[in-house]
PDB file of N, CA and C in Angstrom:
ATOM      1  N   MET A   1      51.137 111.989 115.868  1.00  0.00           N
ATOM      2  CA  MET A   1      49.873 111.742 116.444  1.00  0.00           C
ATOM      3  C   MET A   1      48.639 110.944 115.381  1.00  0.00           C
ATOM      4  N   SER A   2      48.437 110.009 115.278  1.00  0.00           N
ATOM      5  CA  SER A   2      47.691 109.585 114.117  1.00  0.00           C
ATOM      6  C   SER A   2      46.299 110.041 114.070  1.00  0.00           C
ATOM      7  N   ALA A   3      45.788 110.280 112.871  1.00  0.00           N
ATOM      8  CA  ALA A   3      44.652 110.591 112.739  1.00  0.00           C
ATOM      9  C   ALA A   3      43.532 110.140 113.737  1.00  0.00           C
ATOM     10  N   GLN A   4      43.606 108.446 114.074  1.00  0.00           N
ATOM     11  CA  GLN A   4      42.577 108.069 114.888  1.00  0.00           C
ATOM     12  C   GLN A   4      42.688 108.428 115.915  1.00  0.00           C
ATOM     13  N   ALA A   5      44.131 109.079 116.398  1.00  0.00           N
ATOM     14  CA  ALA A   5      44.174 109.391 118.036  1.00  0.00           C
ATOM     15  C   ALA A   5      43.492 110.487 118.020  1.00  0.00           C
ATOM     16  N   GLN A   6      43.906 111.732 117.001  1.00  0.00           N
ATOM     17  CA  GLN A   6      43.114 112.726 117.168  1.00  0.00           C
ATOM     18  C   GLN A   6      41.665 112.833 117.374  1.00  0.00           C
ATOM     19  N   GLU A   7      40.541 111.778 116.935  1.00  0.00           N
ATOM     20  CA  GLU A   7      39.337 112.115 116.724  1.00  0.00           C
ATOM     21  C   GLU A   7      38.494 112.143 117.788  1.00  0.00           C
ATOM     22  N   ARG A   8      38.041 112.708 117.969  1.00  0.00           N
ATOM     23  CA  ARG A   8      37.339 113.001 119.556  1.00  0.00           C
ATOM     24  C   ARG A   8      36.408 111.956 119.224  1.00  0.00           C
ATOM     25  N   THR A   9      36.130 111.297 120.373  1.00  0.00           N
ATOM     26  CA  THR A   9      35.109 110.624 120.828  1.00  0.00           C
ATOM     27  C   THR A   9      34.140 110.995 122.035  1.00  0.00           C
ATOM     28  N   LEU A  10      33.245 110.625 121.473  1.00  0.00           N
ATOM     29  CA  LEU A  10      31.528 111.252 122.512  1.00  0.00           C
ATOM     30  C   LEU A  10      30.981 110.017 123.229  1.00  0.00           C
ATOM     31  N   ARG A  11      30.536 110.025 124.039  1.00  0.00           N
ATOM     32  CA  ARG A  11      29.883 108.981 125.040  1.00  0.00           C
ATOM     33  C   ARG A  11      28.084 109.121 124.298  1.00  0.00           C
ATOM     34  N   ILE A  12      27.661 108.275 124.564  1.00  0.00           N
ATOM     35  CA  ILE A  12      26.309 108.085 124.262  1.00  0.00           C
ATOM     36  C   ILE A  12      25.600 109.123 124.466  1.00  0.00           C
ATOM     37  N   GLY A  13      25.478 109.647 125.916  1.00  0.00           N
ATOM     38  CA  GLY A  13      24.610 110.724 126.103  1.00  0.00           C
ATOM     39  C   GLY A  13      24.966 111.706 125.318  1.00  0.00           C
ATOM     40  N   GLU A  14      26.120 112.101 125.161  1.00  0.00           N
ATOM     41  CA  GLU A  14      26.269 113.637 124.390  1.00  0.00           C
ATOM     42  C   GLU A  14      26.157 113.727 122.923  1.00  0.00           C
ATOM     43  N   VAL A  15      26.295 112.383 122.253  1.00  0.00           N
ATOM     44  CA  VAL A  15      25.412 112.007 121.310  1.00  0.00           C
ATOM     45  C   VAL A  15      24.169 111.755 121.013  1.00  0.00           C
ATOM     46  N   ALA A  16      23.522 111.504 121.815  1.00  0.00           N
ATOM     47  CA  ALA A  16      21.758 111.384 121.879  1.00  0.00           C
ATOM     48  C   ALA A  16      21.603 113.153 121.760  1.00  0.00           C
ATOM     49  N   ALA A  17      22.349 113.842 122.519  1.00  0.00           N
ATOM     50  CA  ALA A  17      21.951 115.509 123.001  1.00  0.00           C
ATOM     51  C   ALA A  17      22.292 115.952 121.504  1.00  0.00           C
ATOM     52  N   ARG A  18      23.213 115.825 121.029  1.00  0.00           N
ATOM     53  CA  ARG A  18      23.878 116.217 119.594  1.00  0.00           C
ATOM     54  C   ARG A  18      22.659 116.109 118.618  1.00  0.00           C
ATOM     55  N   VAL A  19      22.008 114.659 118.479  1.00  0.00           N
ATOM     56  CA  VAL A  19      21.321 114.186 117.516  1.00  0.00           C
ATOM     57  C   VAL A  19      20.128 114.619 117.813  1.00  0.00           C
ATOM     58  N   GLY A  20      19.497 114.742 118.992  1.00  0.00           N
ATOM     59  CA  GLY A  20      17.985 114.844 119.026  1.00  0.00           C
ATOM     60  C   GLY A  20      17.343 113.867 119.346  1.00  0.00           C
ATOM     61  N   VAL A  21      18.055 112.605 119.705  1.00  0.00           N
ATOM     62  CA  VAL A  21      17.153 111.318 120.152  1.00  0.00           C
ATOM     63  C   VAL A  21      17.346 110.733 121.641  1.00  0.00           C
ATOM     64  N   THR A  22      17.095 110.108 121.769  1.00  0.00           N
ATOM     65  CA  THR A  22      17.198 109.190 123.161  1.00  0.00           C
ATOM     66  C   THR A  22      18.366 108.275 122.989  1.00  0.00           C
ATOM     67  N   THR A  23      19.114 107.917 124.303  1.00  0.00           N
ATOM     68  CA  THR A  23      20.069 106.782 124.194  1.00  0.00           C
ATOM     69  C   THR A  23      19.521 105.360 123.945  1.00  0.00           C
ATOM     70  N   ARG A  24      18.138 105.350 124.481  1.00  0.00           N
ATOM     71  CA  ARG A  24      17.445 104.029 124.040  1.00  0.00           C
ATOM     72  C   ARG A  24      17.270 103.963 122.654  1.00  0.00           C
ATOM     73  N   THR A  25      17.136 104.992 122.015  1.00  0.00           N
ATOM     74  CA  THR A  25      17.335 104.691 120.209  1.00  0.00           C
ATOM     75  C   THR A  25      18.362 104.410 119.379  1.00  0.00           C
ATOM     76  N   ILE A  26      19.305 104.997 120.196  1.00  0.00           N
ATOM     77  CA  ILE A  26      20.601 104.927 120.023  1.00  0.00           C
ATOM     78  C   ILE A  26      21.034 103.457 119.879  1.00  0.00           C
ATOM     79  N   ARG A  27      20.325 102.724 121.223  1.00  0.00           N
ATOM     80  CA  ARG A  27      21.040 101.162 121.230  1.00  0.00           C
ATOM     81  C   ARG A  27      20.256 100.347 120.498  1.00  0.00           C
ATOM     82  N   TYR A  28      18.743 101.044 120.604  1.00  0.00           N
ATOM     83  CA  TYR A  28      17.766  99.852 119.389  1.00  0.00           C
ATOM     84  C   TYR A  28      18.239  99.700 118.228  1.00  0.00           C
ATOM     85  N   TYR A  29      18.972 101.154 117.729  1.00  0.00           N
ATOM     86  CA  TYR A  29      19.814 101.168 116.339  1.00  0.00           C
ATOM     87  C   TYR A  29      20.896  99.907 116.051  1.00  0.00           C
ATOM     88  N   GLU A  30      21.782 100.017 117.075  1.00  0.00           N
ATOM     89  CA  GLU A  30      22.507  99.403 117.466  1.00  0.00           C
ATOM     90  C   GLU A  30      22.243  97.693 117.487  1.00  0.00           C
ATOM     91  N   GLU A  31      20.992  97.631 117.998  1.00  0.00           N
ATOM     92  CA  GLU A  31      20.718  96.120 118.261  1.00  0.00           C
ATOM     93  C   GLU A  31      20.109  96.081 116.588  1.00  0.00           C
ATOM     94  N   LEU A  32      19.565  96.352 116.076  1.00  0.00           N
ATOM     95  CA  LEU A  32      19.270  96.233 114.665  1.00  0.00           C
ATOM     96  C   LEU A  32      20.445  96.199 113.205  1.00  0.00           C
ATOM     97  N   GLY A  33      21.245  96.664 113.869  1.00  0.00           N
ATOM     98  CA  GLY A  33      22.386  96.519 113.307  1.00  0.00           C
ATOM     99  C   GLY A  33      22.673  98.231 112.043  1.00  0.00           C
ATOM    100  N   LEU A  34      21.937  98.995 112.486  1.00  0.00           N
ATOM    101  CA  LEU A  34      22.013  99.977 111.834  1.00  0.00           C
ATOM    102  C   LEU A  34      23.327 100.998 112.061  1.00  0.00           C
ATOM    103  N   LEU A  35      23.550 100.774 113.315  1.00  0.00           N
ATOM    104  CA  LEU A  35      24.741 101.399 113.693  1.00  0.00           C
ATOM    105  C   LEU A  35      25.715 100.821 114.532  1.00  0.00           C
ATOM    106  N   GLY A  36      26.754 100.285 114.262  1.00  0.00           N
ATOM    107  CA  GLY A  36      27.772  99.275 114.738  1.00  0.00           C
ATOM    108  C   GLY A  36      28.769  99.800 115.864  1.00  0.00           C
ATOM    109  N   ALA A  37      28.641 100.994 116.251  1.00  0.00           N
ATOM    110  CA  ALA A  37      29.708 101.343 117.230  1.00  0.00           C
ATOM    111  C   ALA A  37      29.974 100.963 118.485  1.00  0.00           C
ATOM    112  N   GLY A  38      28.834 100.397 119.100  1.00  0.00           N
ATOM    113  CA  GLY A  38      28.951  99.416 120.200  1.00  0.00           C
ATOM    114  C   GLY A  38      29.709  98.241 120.005  1.00  0.00           C
ATOM    115  N   SER A  39      29.715  97.466 118.872  1.00  0.00           N
ATOM    116  CA  SER A  39      30.120  96.243 118.487  1.00  0.00           C
ATOM    117  C   SER A  39      31.645  96.075 118.988  1.00  0.00           C
ATOM    118  N   GLY A  40      32.371  96.756 119.204  1.00  0.00           N
ATOM    119  CA  GLY A  40      34.032  96.647 119.486  1.00  0.00           C
ATOM    120  C   GLY A  40      34.252  96.688 121.261  1.00  0.00           C
ATOM    121  N   ARG A  41      32.929  96.808 121.804  1.00  0.00           N
ATOM    122  CA  ARG A  41      33.475  97.664 123.212  1.00  0.00           C
ATOM    123  C   ARG A  41      33.382  96.029 124.060  1.00  0.00           C
ATOM    124  N   ALA A  42      34.172  96.024 125.227  1.00  0.00           N
ATOM    125  CA  ALA A  42      34.193  95.112 125.666  1.00  0.00           C
ATOM    126  C   ALA A  42      32.711  95.450 126.673  1.00  0.00           C
ATOM    127  N   LYS A  43      32.581  94.261 127.342  1.00  0.00           N
ATOM    128  CA  LYS A  43      31.463  94.397 128.307  1.00  0.00           C
ATOM    129  C   LYS A  43      31.211  95.098 129.741  1.00  0.00           C
ATOM    130  N   GLY A  44      30.789  95.739 129.665  1.00  0.00           N
ATOM    131  CA  GLY A  44      30.730  96.939 130.940  1.00  0.00           C
ATOM    132  C   GLY A  44      31.367  98.004 130.277  1.00  0.00           C
ATOM    133  N   ALA A  45      32.355  98.014 129.173  1.00  0.00           N
ATOM    134  CA  ALA A  45      32.744  99.366 128.785  1.00  0.00           C
ATOM    135  C   ALA A  45      31.731 100.632 128.535  1.00  0.00           C
ATOM    136  N   HIS A  46      31.825 101.638 128.394  1.00  0.00           N
ATOM    137  CA  HIS A  46      31.233 102.694 127.844  1.00  0.00           C
ATOM    138  C   HIS A  46      30.940 102.823 126.375  1.00  0.00           C
ATOM    139  N   ARG A  47      29.446 102.811 125.552  1.00  0.00           N
ATOM    140  CA  ARG A  47      29.784 103.093 124.376  1.00  0.00           C
ATOM    141  C   ARG A  47      30.614 104.683 123.823  1.00  0.00           C
ATOM    142  N   VAL A  48      31.040 104.590 122.878  1.00  0.00           N
ATOM    143  CA  VAL A  48      31.970 105.665 122.447  1.00  0.00           C
ATOM    144  C   VAL A  48      31.754 105.903 120.805  1.00  0.00           C
ATOM    145  N   TYR A  49      31.748 106.813 120.594  1.00  0.00           N
ATOM    146  CA  TYR A  49      30.942 106.980 119.286  1.00  0.00           C
ATOM    147  C   TYR A  49      31.789 108.535 118.717  1.00  0.00           C
ATOM    148  N   GLY A  50      32.261 108.341 117.596  1.00  0.00           N
ATOM    149  CA  GLY A  50      33.145 108.842 116.641  1.00  0.00           C
ATOM    150  C   GLY A  50      32.352 110.248 115.898  1.00  0.00           C
ATOM    151  N   GLU A  51      32.787 110.780 114.716  1.00  0.00           N
ATOM    152  CA  GLU A  51      32.099 111.797 113.807  1.00  0.00           C
ATOM    153  C   GLU A  51      31.407 111.063 112.806  1.00  0.00           C
ATOM    154  N   PRO A  52      31.918 110.023 112.307  1.00  0.00           N
ATOM    155  CA  PRO A  52      31.082 109.175 111.355  1.00  0.00           C
ATOM    156  C   PRO A  52      29.577 108.510 112.176  1.00  0.00           C
ATOM    157  N   ASP A  53      29.761 108.370 113.227  1.00  0.00           N
ATOM    158  CA  ASP A  53      28.646 107.449 113.585  1.00  0.00           C
ATOM    159  C   ASP A  53      27.557 108.536 114.139  1.00  0.00           C
ATOM    160  N   VAL A  54      27.819 109.771 114.428  1.00  0.00           N
ATOM    161  CA  VAL A  54      27.207 111.003 114.663  1.00  0.00           C
ATOM    162  C   VAL A  54      26.201 111.113 113.505  1.00  0.00           C
ATOM    163  N   ALA A  55      26.952 111.342 112.258  1.00  0.00           N
ATOM    164  CA  ALA A  55      26.707 111.329 110.710  1.00  0.00           C
ATOM    165  C   ALA A  55      25.597 110.555 110.536  1.00  0.00           C
ATOM    166  N   ARG A  56      26.125 109.310 110.676  1.00  0.00           N
ATOM    167  CA  ARG A  56      25.018 108.119 110.245  1.00  0.00           C
ATOM    168  C   ARG A  56      23.807 108.565 111.478  1.00  0.00           C
ATOM    169  N   LEU A  57      23.903 108.773 112.740  1.00  0.00           N
ATOM    170  CA  LEU A  57      22.334 108.682 113.347  1.00  0.00           C
ATOM    171  C   LEU A  57      21.718 110.079 113.154  1.00  0.00           C
ATOM    172  N   GLU A  58      22.522 111.102 112.360  1.00  0.00           N
ATOM    173  CA  GLU A  58      21.714 112.231 112.004  1.00  0.00           C
ATOM    174  C   GLU A  58      20.572 111.313 111.008  1.00  0.00           C
ATOM    175  N   GLU A  59      21.552 110.751 109.732  1.00  0.00           N
ATOM    176  CA  GLU A  59      20.899 110.310 108.477  1.00  0.00           C
ATOM    177  C   GLU A  59      19.737 109.146 109.054  1.00  0.00           C
ATOM    178  N   LEU A  60      19.961 108.337 109.935  1.00  0.00           N
ATOM    179  CA  LEU A  60      19.191 107.573 110.502  1.00  0.00           C
ATOM    180  C   LEU A  60      17.505 107.948 110.855  1.00  0.00           C
ATOM    181  N   ASN A  61      18.004 109.826 111.839  1.00  0.00           N
ATOM    182  CA  ASN A  61      16.781 110.680 112.297  1.00  0.00           C
ATOM    183  C   ASN A  61      16.159 111.245 111.183  1.00  0.00           C
ATOM    184  N   LEU A  62      16.859 111.617 110.162  1.00  0.00           N
ATOM    185  CA  LEU A  62      16.335 112.123 109.013  1.00  0.00           C
ATOM    186  C   LEU A  62      15.097 111.050 108.066  1.00  0.00           C
ATOM    187  N   LEU A  63      15.749 110.122 107.679  1.00  0.00           N
ATOM    188  CA  LEU A  63      14.988 108.892 107.048  1.00  0.00           C
ATOM    189  C   LEU A  63      13.706 108.430 108.218  1.00  0.00           C
ATOM    190  N   SER A  64      14.123 108.492 109.096  1.00  0.00           N
ATOM    191  CA  SER A  64      12.745 108.473 110.372  1.00  0.00           C
ATOM    192  C   SER A  64      11.732 109.501 110.262  1.00  0.00           C
ATOM    193  N   ALA A  65      12.017 110.755 110.068  1.00  0.00           N
ATOM    194  CA  ALA A  65      11.582 111.634 109.932  1.00  0.00           C
ATOM    195  C   ALA A  65      10.600 111.587 108.375  1.00  0.00           C
ATOM    196  N   VAL A  66      11.149 111.401 107.642  1.00  0.00           N
ATOM    197  CA  VAL A  66      10.515 111.614 105.867  1.00  0.00           C
ATOM    198  C   VAL A  66       9.539 110.281 106.326  1.00  0.00           C
ATOM    199  N   THR A  67       9.544 109.174 106.572  1.00  0.00           N
ATOM    200  CA  THR A  67       9.162 107.949 106.343  1.00  0.00           C
ATOM    201  C   THR A  67       7.933 107.916 107.440  1.00  0.00           C
ATOM    202  N   ALA A  68       7.621 108.564 108.502  1.00  0.00           N
ATOM    203  CA  ALA A  68       7.056 108.661 109.460  1.00  0.00           C
ATOM    204  C   ALA A  68       5.221 109.337 109.413  1.00  0.00           C
TER     205      ALA A  68
END
């Protein structure tokens, strides 16, 4: 199995709960181009995220708290 096939994917609600943000915040970051996880998905398909996306969201969340 390839490394990509072994990577666990998470849906938007799982990521939001893990990072401590709302699903709307994640969609907003995608709209701004700060998070590119949804860009490759087909219309109507579920958003899926990997560990790098979770790490990026945690970083964005931290930066948001620092600048507030």
